[in-house]
Amino acid sequence: MPPERLKLRFTQSPDGKVHIESAEGFGDLTYTFDGQAEGASLTGRFRFARKGQRDGDDANTFPVTLRRVDDKLQDKNYATSVSGLYSNVEYNEEGSDLTGAELVLLRDQGRLLGILTLHEEEMLPYAVTGVVVSKQQLQFKTRTQSGDEAYRAILSRDKIRLRRTDAAASHETTSMVLSKKKTLREFLNEK
């Protein structure tokens, strides 16, 4: 979710309990995180729900551990040219929703990590796993509710051409071009 589209309220108690919630939500969705801050990490539960959805519905509740990004990632000599925010997300005034995809890539402890967010009927963020880098290409997988999805990405200076390559992929919906919107340093220093 682009930060300019979703405003968050953050509270932390003296004992380290953290509560984060969307101030207005996006469309009819609301987002919350409840957890515990310990050192450089947050552990808890993330939930998104439609307005009026019962609290007992756990289908959209996930355990989450967030770890502070290492300061050396902000060093321009450390971050690779691949790291950054790539997006073709657009706001649709008519439908009051977002469409497109967003890919955040960063290096941590020698590995390339990321999050692929698909804005289809709703916002669907997936962890990027099993990244293989070969020259100007990436291959990775995401785990979705319907199973693993495989992707291949061709890199250029200012964009990534992303194509879904698993057997379940349909030709019409699997290829997209994401422009590089921010370097890793710009993304991490966003207020």
N, C-alpha and C. Protein backbone atom coordinates (compact mmCIF):
# COMPACT_ATOMS: atom_id res chain seq x y z
N MET A 1 0.85 -1.17 0.00
CA MET A 1 0.00 0.00 0.00
C MET A 1 0.90 1.23 0.00
N PRO A 2 0.78 2.10 -0.99
CA PRO A 2 1.59 3.31 -0.98
C PRO A 2 1.31 4.13 0.27
N PRO A 3 2.37 4.61 0.97
CA PRO A 3 2.18 5.32 2.24
C PRO A 3 1.30 6.55 2.11
N GLU A 4 1.31 7.21 0.96
CA GLU A 4 0.48 8.41 0.82
C GLU A 4 -1.00 8.08 0.72
N ARG A 5 -1.35 6.82 0.52
CA ARG A 5 -2.75 6.40 0.40
C ARG A 5 -3.35 5.94 1.72
N LEU A 6 -2.52 5.60 2.69
CA LEU A 6 -3.03 5.03 3.94
C LEU A 6 -2.34 5.70 5.12
N LYS A 7 -3.10 6.43 5.90
CA LYS A 7 -2.56 7.08 7.10
C LYS A 7 -2.72 6.15 8.28
N LEU A 8 -1.70 6.06 9.12
CA LEU A 8 -1.69 5.13 10.26
C LEU A 8 -1.64 5.88 11.58
N ARG A 9 -2.29 5.30 12.62
CA ARG A 9 -2.18 5.77 14.00
C ARG A 9 -1.33 4.74 14.73
N PHE A 10 -0.35 5.23 15.49
CA PHE A 10 0.60 4.37 16.19
C PHE A 10 0.57 4.68 17.67
N THR A 11 0.42 3.66 18.52
CA THR A 11 0.53 3.86 19.96
C THR A 11 1.43 2.77 20.53
N GLN A 12 2.22 3.15 21.53
CA GLN A 12 3.10 2.20 22.21
C GLN A 12 3.02 2.46 23.71
N SER A 13 2.78 1.41 24.48
CA SER A 13 2.70 1.55 25.94
C SER A 13 4.10 1.41 26.53
N PRO A 14 4.29 1.84 27.78
CA PRO A 14 5.62 1.75 28.42
C PRO A 14 6.16 0.32 28.48
N ASP A 15 5.29 -0.68 28.50
CA ASP A 15 5.76 -2.07 28.56
C ASP A 15 6.06 -2.66 27.18
N GLY A 16 6.01 -1.83 26.11
CA GLY A 16 6.40 -2.27 24.78
C GLY A 16 5.28 -2.77 23.90
N LYS A 17 4.04 -2.74 24.39
CA LYS A 17 2.92 -3.17 23.55
C LYS A 17 2.67 -2.11 22.48
N VAL A 18 2.46 -2.57 21.24
CA VAL A 18 2.30 -1.67 20.11
C VAL A 18 0.96 -1.93 19.44
N HIS A 19 0.27 -0.83 19.10
CA HIS A 19 -0.98 -0.93 18.34
C HIS A 19 -0.88 0.04 17.17
N ILE A 20 -1.10 -0.46 15.96
CA ILE A 20 -1.08 0.36 14.76
C ILE A 20 -2.40 0.09 14.04
N GLU A 21 -3.08 1.16 13.62
CA GLU A 21 -4.32 0.96 12.88
C GLU A 21 -4.44 2.02 11.79
N SER A 22 -5.16 1.65 10.75
CA SER A 22 -5.38 2.61 9.67
C SER A 22 -6.36 3.67 10.18
N ALA A 23 -6.01 4.93 9.93
CA ALA A 23 -6.82 6.04 10.41
C ALA A 23 -8.15 6.10 9.67
N GLU A 24 -8.12 5.91 8.37
CA GLU A 24 -9.34 6.01 7.58
C GLU A 24 -9.64 4.72 6.86
N GLY A 25 -8.66 3.86 6.72
CA GLY A 25 -8.84 2.66 5.91
C GLY A 25 -8.73 3.02 4.45
N PHE A 26 -8.81 2.03 3.61
CA PHE A 26 -8.77 2.25 2.17
C PHE A 26 -10.00 1.58 1.61
N GLY A 27 -10.87 2.37 1.02
CA GLY A 27 -12.16 1.82 0.60
C GLY A 27 -12.88 1.38 1.86
N ASP A 28 -13.36 0.14 1.88
CA ASP A 28 -14.04 -0.35 3.08
C ASP A 28 -13.15 -1.29 3.89
N LEU A 29 -11.82 -1.26 3.64
CA LEU A 29 -10.89 -2.09 4.40
C LEU A 29 -10.26 -1.31 5.54
N THR A 30 -10.03 -1.98 6.65
CA THR A 30 -9.28 -1.41 7.77
C THR A 30 -8.13 -2.36 8.08
N TYR A 31 -7.03 -1.80 8.60
CA TYR A 31 -5.83 -2.57 8.89
C TYR A 31 -5.43 -2.33 10.34
N THR A 32 -5.04 -3.40 11.05
CA THR A 32 -4.54 -3.24 12.42
C THR A 32 -3.36 -4.17 12.64
N PHE A 33 -2.50 -3.76 13.55
CA PHE A 33 -1.40 -4.59 14.03
C PHE A 33 -1.37 -4.45 15.54
N ASP A 34 -1.33 -5.57 16.25
CA ASP A 34 -1.17 -5.58 17.69
C ASP A 34 0.00 -6.49 18.02
N GLY A 35 0.95 -5.97 18.78
CA GLY A 35 2.11 -6.78 19.08
C GLY A 35 2.97 -6.22 20.18
N GLN A 36 4.18 -6.72 20.24
CA GLN A 36 5.14 -6.38 21.28
C GLN A 36 6.45 -5.94 20.64
N ALA A 37 6.99 -4.81 21.10
CA ALA A 37 8.29 -4.35 20.64
C ALA A 37 9.36 -4.95 21.55
N GLU A 38 10.35 -5.59 20.94
CA GLU A 38 11.47 -6.17 21.69
C GLU A 38 12.75 -5.87 20.93
N GLY A 39 13.57 -4.98 21.47
CA GLY A 39 14.80 -4.60 20.79
C GLY A 39 14.50 -3.96 19.44
N ALA A 40 15.06 -4.56 18.38
CA ALA A 40 14.88 -4.01 17.04
C ALA A 40 13.78 -4.72 16.26
N SER A 41 12.87 -5.41 16.95
CA SER A 41 11.81 -6.11 16.22
C SER A 41 10.44 -5.92 16.86
N LEU A 42 9.41 -6.14 16.06
CA LEU A 42 8.01 -6.14 16.50
C LEU A 42 7.44 -7.51 16.16
N THR A 43 6.78 -8.14 17.12
CA THR A 43 6.14 -9.43 16.88
C THR A 43 4.68 -9.30 17.29
N GLY A 44 3.79 -9.79 16.42
CA GLY A 44 2.38 -9.69 16.75
C GLY A 44 1.50 -10.22 15.64
N ARG A 45 0.30 -9.64 15.53
CA ARG A 45 -0.67 -10.10 14.54
C ARG A 45 -1.14 -8.92 13.70
N PHE A 46 -1.15 -9.13 12.40
CA PHE A 46 -1.64 -8.16 11.42
C PHE A 46 -3.01 -8.64 10.96
N ARG A 47 -3.95 -7.70 10.84
CA ARG A 47 -5.30 -8.07 10.40
C ARG A 47 -5.83 -7.01 9.45
N PHE A 48 -6.47 -7.47 8.39
CA PHE A 48 -7.24 -6.55 7.58
C PHE A 48 -8.64 -7.10 7.45
N ALA A 49 -9.61 -6.19 7.45
CA ALA A 49 -11.01 -6.61 7.45
C ALA A 49 -11.86 -5.56 6.76
N ARG A 50 -12.98 -5.98 6.28
CA ARG A 50 -13.97 -5.06 5.72
C ARG A 50 -14.75 -4.44 6.88
N LYS A 51 -15.17 -3.22 6.73
CA LYS A 51 -15.95 -2.56 7.79
C LYS A 51 -17.16 -3.42 8.10
N GLY A 52 -17.40 -3.64 9.39
CA GLY A 52 -18.54 -4.43 9.82
C GLY A 52 -18.26 -5.92 9.91
N GLN A 53 -17.07 -6.36 9.48
CA GLN A 53 -16.74 -7.78 9.57
C GLN A 53 -16.56 -8.17 11.03
N ARG A 54 -17.02 -9.36 11.40
CA ARG A 54 -16.93 -9.82 12.78
C ARG A 54 -15.48 -9.97 13.22
N ASP A 55 -15.22 -9.64 14.50
CA ASP A 55 -13.88 -9.78 15.05
C ASP A 55 -13.42 -11.23 15.11
N GLY A 56 -14.34 -12.18 15.19
CA GLY A 56 -13.98 -13.58 15.31
C GLY A 56 -13.51 -14.21 14.01
N ASP A 57 -13.58 -13.50 12.89
CA ASP A 57 -13.18 -14.04 11.60
C ASP A 57 -11.67 -13.91 11.45
N ASP A 58 -10.95 -15.03 11.53
CA ASP A 58 -9.48 -15.00 11.48
C ASP A 58 -8.91 -15.23 10.09
N ALA A 59 -9.75 -15.27 9.06
CA ALA A 59 -9.27 -15.54 7.71
C ALA A 59 -8.26 -14.50 7.24
N ASN A 60 -8.36 -13.28 7.73
CA ASN A 60 -7.47 -12.21 7.30
C ASN A 60 -6.54 -11.75 8.43
N THR A 61 -6.19 -12.66 9.33
CA THR A 61 -5.29 -12.37 10.44
C THR A 61 -4.04 -13.22 10.29
N PHE A 62 -2.87 -12.59 10.40
CA PHE A 62 -1.62 -13.27 10.17
C PHE A 62 -0.60 -12.95 11.25
N PRO A 63 0.17 -13.95 11.71
CA PRO A 63 1.28 -13.65 12.61
C PRO A 63 2.38 -12.94 11.83
N VAL A 64 2.99 -11.94 12.45
CA VAL A 64 4.01 -11.13 11.77
C VAL A 64 5.17 -10.86 12.71
N THR A 65 6.38 -10.92 12.18
CA THR A 65 7.55 -10.43 12.89
C THR A 65 8.23 -9.41 11.98
N LEU A 66 8.37 -8.20 12.47
CA LEU A 66 9.02 -7.12 11.72
C LEU A 66 10.36 -6.84 12.38
N ARG A 67 11.41 -6.77 11.58
CA ARG A 67 12.74 -6.50 12.09
C ARG A 67 13.23 -5.20 11.49
N ARG A 68 13.84 -4.36 12.31
CA ARG A 68 14.37 -3.08 11.84
C ARG A 68 15.40 -3.34 10.75
N VAL A 69 15.32 -2.57 9.69
CA VAL A 69 16.27 -2.70 8.59
C VAL A 69 17.63 -2.21 9.06
N ASP A 70 18.66 -2.96 8.76
CA ASP A 70 20.02 -2.62 9.15
C ASP A 70 20.41 -1.26 8.59
N ASP A 71 21.00 -0.39 9.43
CA ASP A 71 21.40 0.95 9.00
C ASP A 71 22.33 0.94 7.80
N LYS A 72 23.15 -0.10 7.65
CA LYS A 72 24.09 -0.10 6.53
C LYS A 72 23.37 -0.18 5.18
N LEU A 73 22.10 -0.58 5.18
CA LEU A 73 21.36 -0.63 3.93
C LEU A 73 21.11 0.77 3.37
N GLN A 74 21.19 1.77 4.22
CA GLN A 74 21.00 3.15 3.75
C GLN A 74 22.28 3.73 3.16
N ASP A 75 23.40 3.07 3.35
CA ASP A 75 24.67 3.52 2.79
C ASP A 75 24.63 3.32 1.28
N LYS A 76 24.81 4.39 0.53
CA LYS A 76 24.70 4.30 -0.93
C LYS A 76 25.72 3.33 -1.53
N ASN A 77 26.82 3.07 -0.85
CA ASN A 77 27.81 2.12 -1.35
C ASN A 77 27.41 0.67 -1.09
N TYR A 78 26.49 0.45 -0.17
CA TYR A 78 26.07 -0.91 0.15
C TYR A 78 24.87 -1.35 -0.68
N ALA A 79 23.88 -0.47 -0.82
CA ALA A 79 22.66 -0.84 -1.54
C ALA A 79 22.96 -1.06 -3.02
N THR A 80 22.48 -2.15 -3.57
CA THR A 80 22.72 -2.43 -4.97
C THR A 80 21.76 -1.63 -5.83
N SER A 81 22.06 -1.56 -7.11
CA SER A 81 21.17 -0.82 -8.01
C SER A 81 19.82 -1.51 -8.16
N VAL A 82 19.73 -2.79 -7.83
CA VAL A 82 18.45 -3.52 -7.91
C VAL A 82 17.52 -3.10 -6.79
N SER A 83 18.07 -2.81 -5.61
CA SER A 83 17.25 -2.48 -4.44
C SER A 83 16.42 -1.23 -4.69
N GLY A 84 15.17 -1.27 -4.22
CA GLY A 84 14.33 -0.09 -4.35
C GLY A 84 12.86 -0.45 -4.45
N LEU A 85 12.06 0.53 -4.81
CA LEU A 85 10.61 0.39 -4.96
C LEU A 85 10.26 0.50 -6.44
N TYR A 86 9.61 -0.53 -6.96
CA TYR A 86 9.16 -0.57 -8.35
C TYR A 86 7.64 -0.63 -8.33
N SER A 87 6.98 0.13 -9.20
CA SER A 87 5.52 0.18 -9.11
C SER A 87 4.90 0.60 -10.43
N ASN A 88 3.70 0.08 -10.67
CA ASN A 88 2.84 0.61 -11.72
C ASN A 88 1.45 0.86 -11.14
N VAL A 89 1.39 1.04 -9.82
CA VAL A 89 0.12 1.23 -9.11
C VAL A 89 -0.48 2.58 -9.47
N GLU A 90 -1.76 2.55 -9.77
CA GLU A 90 -2.51 3.76 -10.08
C GLU A 90 -3.79 3.79 -9.26
N TYR A 91 -4.22 4.99 -8.92
CA TYR A 91 -5.49 5.16 -8.21
C TYR A 91 -6.60 5.33 -9.22
N ASN A 92 -7.64 4.54 -9.09
CA ASN A 92 -8.78 4.60 -9.98
C ASN A 92 -9.88 5.38 -9.28
N GLU A 93 -10.09 6.63 -9.70
CA GLU A 93 -11.11 7.50 -9.09
C GLU A 93 -12.50 6.88 -9.19
N GLU A 94 -12.79 6.31 -10.34
CA GLU A 94 -14.12 5.76 -10.58
C GLU A 94 -14.46 4.63 -9.61
N GLY A 95 -13.51 3.73 -9.40
CA GLY A 95 -13.75 2.60 -8.51
C GLY A 95 -13.25 2.83 -7.09
N SER A 96 -12.61 3.98 -6.86
CA SER A 96 -12.03 4.31 -5.55
C SER A 96 -11.12 3.20 -5.03
N ASP A 97 -10.27 2.68 -5.92
CA ASP A 97 -9.33 1.66 -5.48
C ASP A 97 -8.03 1.76 -6.28
N LEU A 98 -7.06 0.96 -5.89
CA LEU A 98 -5.77 0.93 -6.56
C LEU A 98 -5.73 -0.26 -7.50
N THR A 99 -5.01 -0.10 -8.61
CA THR A 99 -4.78 -1.20 -9.53
C THR A 99 -3.29 -1.26 -9.83
N GLY A 100 -2.79 -2.44 -10.14
CA GLY A 100 -1.39 -2.59 -10.51
C GLY A 100 -0.63 -3.46 -9.52
N ALA A 101 0.69 -3.29 -9.55
CA ALA A 101 1.57 -4.09 -8.69
C ALA A 101 2.71 -3.21 -8.18
N GLU A 102 3.28 -3.65 -7.05
CA GLU A 102 4.38 -2.93 -6.42
C GLU A 102 5.37 -3.97 -5.91
N LEU A 103 6.65 -3.76 -6.17
CA LEU A 103 7.70 -4.68 -5.73
C LEU A 103 8.76 -3.89 -4.98
N VAL A 104 9.01 -4.28 -3.72
CA VAL A 104 10.08 -3.68 -2.93
C VAL A 104 11.18 -4.72 -2.82
N LEU A 105 12.40 -4.35 -3.21
CA LEU A 105 13.55 -5.26 -3.12
C LEU A 105 14.63 -4.63 -2.27
N LEU A 106 15.27 -5.42 -1.39
CA LEU A 106 16.41 -4.95 -0.61
C LEU A 106 17.32 -6.11 -0.26
N ARG A 107 18.58 -5.78 -0.06
CA ARG A 107 19.56 -6.79 0.35
C ARG A 107 19.68 -6.75 1.86
N ASP A 108 19.73 -7.94 2.47
CA ASP A 108 19.92 -8.05 3.91
C ASP A 108 20.73 -9.30 4.17
N GLN A 109 21.83 -9.15 4.86
CA GLN A 109 22.72 -10.26 5.20
C GLN A 109 23.07 -11.08 3.97
N GLY A 110 23.36 -10.38 2.86
CA GLY A 110 23.81 -11.03 1.64
C GLY A 110 22.70 -11.62 0.78
N ARG A 111 21.45 -11.56 1.24
CA ARG A 111 20.34 -12.11 0.46
C ARG A 111 19.49 -10.97 -0.09
N LEU A 112 18.85 -11.23 -1.23
CA LEU A 112 17.90 -10.27 -1.77
C LEU A 112 16.52 -10.68 -1.29
N LEU A 113 15.84 -9.75 -0.62
CA LEU A 113 14.51 -9.98 -0.05
C LEU A 113 13.53 -9.03 -0.70
N GLY A 114 12.23 -9.29 -0.51
CA GLY A 114 11.27 -8.36 -1.06
C GLY A 114 9.84 -8.67 -0.69
N ILE A 115 8.97 -7.77 -1.12
CA ILE A 115 7.53 -7.92 -0.97
C ILE A 115 6.89 -7.53 -2.30
N LEU A 116 6.06 -8.42 -2.82
CA LEU A 116 5.30 -8.13 -4.03
C LEU A 116 3.85 -7.89 -3.59
N THR A 117 3.33 -6.72 -3.91
CA THR A 117 1.94 -6.39 -3.57
C THR A 117 1.15 -6.24 -4.85
N LEU A 118 0.11 -7.06 -4.96
CA LEU A 118 -0.78 -7.01 -6.12
C LEU A 118 -2.06 -6.31 -5.70
N HIS A 119 -2.44 -5.30 -6.46
CA HIS A 119 -3.67 -4.56 -6.20
C HIS A 119 -4.68 -5.02 -7.25
N GLU A 120 -5.44 -6.02 -6.88
CA GLU A 120 -6.45 -6.55 -7.80
C GLU A 120 -7.81 -6.18 -7.24
N GLU A 121 -8.59 -7.13 -6.80
CA GLU A 121 -9.86 -6.77 -6.16
C GLU A 121 -9.62 -6.23 -4.76
N GLU A 122 -8.49 -6.60 -4.17
CA GLU A 122 -8.07 -6.07 -2.88
C GLU A 122 -6.55 -6.06 -2.86
N MET A 123 -5.96 -5.47 -1.84
CA MET A 123 -4.51 -5.42 -1.73
C MET A 123 -3.99 -6.77 -1.23
N LEU A 124 -3.06 -7.38 -1.98
CA LEU A 124 -2.54 -8.69 -1.62
C LEU A 124 -1.01 -8.64 -1.55
N PRO A 125 -0.43 -8.47 -0.34
CA PRO A 125 1.02 -8.43 -0.21
C PRO A 125 1.58 -9.85 0.01
N TYR A 126 2.68 -10.18 -0.68
CA TYR A 126 3.31 -11.49 -0.56
C TYR A 126 4.81 -11.34 -0.38
N ALA A 127 5.37 -12.14 0.51
CA ALA A 127 6.83 -12.17 0.69
C ALA A 127 7.47 -12.82 -0.53
N VAL A 128 8.55 -12.22 -0.99
CA VAL A 128 9.32 -12.76 -2.11
C VAL A 128 10.33 -13.74 -1.51
N THR A 129 10.34 -14.98 -2.00
CA THR A 129 11.23 -16.00 -1.45
C THR A 129 12.02 -16.67 -2.57
N GLY A 130 13.08 -17.38 -2.19
CA GLY A 130 13.86 -18.16 -3.14
C GLY A 130 14.42 -17.35 -4.29
N VAL A 131 14.92 -16.14 -4.00
CA VAL A 131 15.40 -15.26 -5.06
C VAL A 131 16.71 -15.78 -5.64
N VAL A 132 16.75 -15.89 -6.96
CA VAL A 132 17.96 -16.26 -7.69
C VAL A 132 18.27 -15.11 -8.63
N VAL A 133 19.51 -14.57 -8.53
CA VAL A 133 19.92 -13.45 -9.36
C VAL A 133 20.94 -13.96 -10.37
N SER A 134 20.71 -13.65 -11.64
CA SER A 134 21.63 -14.04 -12.71
C SER A 134 21.72 -12.90 -13.70
N LYS A 135 22.86 -12.21 -13.70
CA LYS A 135 23.08 -11.04 -14.55
C LYS A 135 21.94 -10.05 -14.37
N GLN A 136 21.15 -9.81 -15.39
CA GLN A 136 20.07 -8.82 -15.32
C GLN A 136 18.70 -9.49 -15.13
N GLN A 137 18.69 -10.67 -14.51
CA GLN A 137 17.43 -11.37 -14.30
C GLN A 137 17.28 -11.82 -12.85
N LEU A 138 16.05 -11.84 -12.40
CA LEU A 138 15.70 -12.38 -11.09
C LEU A 138 14.67 -13.48 -11.30
N GLN A 139 14.73 -14.48 -10.45
CA GLN A 139 13.66 -15.47 -10.38
C GLN A 139 13.28 -15.57 -8.90
N PHE A 140 11.99 -15.64 -8.62
CA PHE A 140 11.55 -15.77 -7.24
C PHE A 140 10.18 -16.39 -7.18
N LYS A 141 9.76 -16.71 -5.96
CA LYS A 141 8.43 -17.26 -5.73
C LYS A 141 7.73 -16.44 -4.67
N THR A 142 6.40 -16.50 -4.70
CA THR A 142 5.58 -15.96 -3.62
C THR A 142 4.63 -17.07 -3.20
N ARG A 143 4.29 -17.09 -1.93
CA ARG A 143 3.31 -18.06 -1.44
C ARG A 143 2.00 -17.33 -1.23
N THR A 144 0.97 -17.77 -1.95
CA THR A 144 -0.34 -17.14 -1.87
C THR A 144 -1.34 -18.12 -1.26
N GLN A 145 -2.57 -17.67 -1.07
CA GLN A 145 -3.60 -18.56 -0.53
C GLN A 145 -3.88 -19.71 -1.48
N SER A 146 -3.64 -19.53 -2.79
CA SER A 146 -3.89 -20.61 -3.75
C SER A 146 -2.64 -21.44 -4.05
N GLY A 147 -1.52 -21.14 -3.38
CA GLY A 147 -0.29 -21.91 -3.60
C GLY A 147 0.85 -21.02 -4.05
N ASP A 148 1.97 -21.65 -4.39
CA ASP A 148 3.15 -20.91 -4.83
C ASP A 148 2.96 -20.33 -6.23
N GLU A 149 3.48 -19.12 -6.44
CA GLU A 149 3.51 -18.51 -7.76
C GLU A 149 4.96 -18.19 -8.08
N ALA A 150 5.40 -18.50 -9.30
CA ALA A 150 6.78 -18.27 -9.72
C ALA A 150 6.82 -17.07 -10.66
N TYR A 151 7.90 -16.28 -10.54
CA TYR A 151 8.08 -15.09 -11.36
C TYR A 151 9.49 -15.04 -11.91
N ARG A 152 9.63 -14.41 -13.07
CA ARG A 152 10.94 -14.08 -13.64
C ARG A 152 10.89 -12.59 -13.94
N ALA A 153 11.97 -11.90 -13.60
CA ALA A 153 12.03 -10.45 -13.82
C ALA A 153 13.28 -10.12 -14.62
N ILE A 154 13.12 -9.27 -15.61
CA ILE A 154 14.25 -8.76 -16.38
C ILE A 154 14.48 -7.33 -15.93
N LEU A 155 15.71 -7.05 -15.51
CA LEU A 155 16.05 -5.75 -14.93
C LEU A 155 16.65 -4.81 -15.96
N SER A 156 16.29 -3.55 -15.86
CA SER A 156 16.99 -2.50 -16.59
C SER A 156 17.23 -1.37 -15.60
N ARG A 157 17.83 -0.31 -16.05
CA ARG A 157 18.21 0.78 -15.15
C ARG A 157 17.03 1.38 -14.40
N ASP A 158 15.89 1.53 -15.06
CA ASP A 158 14.78 2.26 -14.46
C ASP A 158 13.47 1.46 -14.38
N LYS A 159 13.53 0.15 -14.64
CA LYS A 159 12.30 -0.63 -14.56
C LYS A 159 12.61 -2.12 -14.44
N ILE A 160 11.56 -2.85 -14.10
CA ILE A 160 11.60 -4.31 -14.06
C ILE A 160 10.43 -4.81 -14.89
N ARG A 161 10.73 -5.71 -15.80
CA ARG A 161 9.66 -6.39 -16.56
C ARG A 161 9.42 -7.71 -15.84
N LEU A 162 8.24 -7.86 -15.25
CA LEU A 162 7.91 -8.98 -14.37
C LEU A 162 6.93 -9.90 -15.09
N ARG A 163 7.22 -11.20 -15.06
CA ARG A 163 6.34 -12.17 -15.71
C ARG A 163 6.13 -13.36 -14.80
N ARG A 164 4.90 -13.73 -14.62
CA ARG A 164 4.57 -14.92 -13.83
C ARG A 164 4.81 -16.14 -14.71
N THR A 165 5.52 -17.15 -14.17
CA THR A 165 5.95 -18.27 -14.99
C THR A 165 5.45 -19.64 -14.53
N ASP A 166 4.70 -19.72 -13.44
CA ASP A 166 4.24 -21.02 -12.98
C ASP A 166 3.14 -21.55 -13.89
N ALA A 167 2.84 -22.83 -13.76
CA ALA A 167 1.89 -23.50 -14.64
C ALA A 167 0.49 -22.90 -14.57
N ALA A 168 0.09 -22.35 -13.43
CA ALA A 168 -1.27 -21.82 -13.27
C ALA A 168 -1.43 -20.42 -13.86
N ALA A 169 -0.34 -19.80 -14.31
CA ALA A 169 -0.39 -18.43 -14.81
C ALA A 169 -1.16 -18.36 -16.13
N SER A 170 -2.00 -17.34 -16.26
CA SER A 170 -2.67 -17.11 -17.53
C SER A 170 -1.91 -16.03 -18.27
N HIS A 171 -1.82 -16.14 -19.57
CA HIS A 171 -1.01 -15.23 -20.37
C HIS A 171 -1.44 -13.77 -20.23
N GLU A 172 -2.73 -13.51 -20.13
CA GLU A 172 -3.23 -12.13 -20.10
C GLU A 172 -2.84 -11.37 -18.85
N THR A 173 -2.72 -12.06 -17.72
CA THR A 173 -2.52 -11.34 -16.46
C THR A 173 -1.13 -11.51 -15.87
N THR A 174 -0.19 -12.06 -16.60
CA THR A 174 1.06 -12.43 -15.97
C THR A 174 2.25 -11.53 -16.28
N SER A 175 2.18 -10.66 -17.25
CA SER A 175 3.33 -9.84 -17.62
C SER A 175 3.04 -8.38 -17.29
N MET A 176 3.99 -7.71 -16.64
CA MET A 176 3.80 -6.31 -16.28
C MET A 176 5.15 -5.60 -16.20
N VAL A 177 5.12 -4.30 -16.44
CA VAL A 177 6.33 -3.48 -16.34
C VAL A 177 6.15 -2.57 -15.13
N LEU A 178 7.13 -2.62 -14.21
CA LEU A 178 7.11 -1.79 -13.01
C LEU A 178 8.26 -0.80 -13.10
N SER A 179 7.96 0.47 -13.03
CA SER A 179 9.00 1.51 -13.08
C SER A 179 9.63 1.67 -11.71
N LYS A 180 10.93 1.97 -11.69
CA LYS A 180 11.61 2.22 -10.43
C LYS A 180 11.18 3.59 -9.93
N LYS A 181 10.50 3.62 -8.78
CA LYS A 181 9.98 4.87 -8.22
C LYS A 181 10.93 5.48 -7.21
N LYS A 182 11.63 4.63 -6.46
CA LYS A 182 12.52 5.12 -5.41
C LYS A 182 13.70 4.18 -5.26
N THR A 183 14.84 4.75 -4.90
CA THR A 183 15.97 3.91 -4.53
C THR A 183 15.71 3.40 -3.13
N LEU A 184 16.47 2.41 -2.70
CA LEU A 184 16.30 1.88 -1.35
C LEU A 184 16.51 2.97 -0.31
N ARG A 185 17.51 3.80 -0.52
CA ARG A 185 17.80 4.88 0.43
C ARG A 185 16.62 5.84 0.55
N GLU A 186 16.03 6.25 -0.57
CA GLU A 186 14.85 7.13 -0.54
C GLU A 186 13.68 6.46 0.15
N PHE A 187 13.48 5.17 -0.14
CA PHE A 187 12.36 4.42 0.43
C PHE A 187 12.48 4.32 1.95
N LEU A 188 13.70 4.03 2.45
CA LEU A 188 13.92 3.86 3.89
C LEU A 188 13.85 5.18 4.65
N ASN A 189 14.13 6.28 3.99
CA ASN A 189 14.14 7.59 4.65
C ASN A 189 12.83 8.36 4.49
N GLU A 190 11.81 7.72 3.93
CA GLU A 190 10.52 8.37 3.72
C GLU A 190 9.88 8.68 5.05
N LYS A 191 9.32 9.83 5.20
CA LYS A 191 8.68 10.22 6.46
C LYS A 191 7.20 9.99 6.36
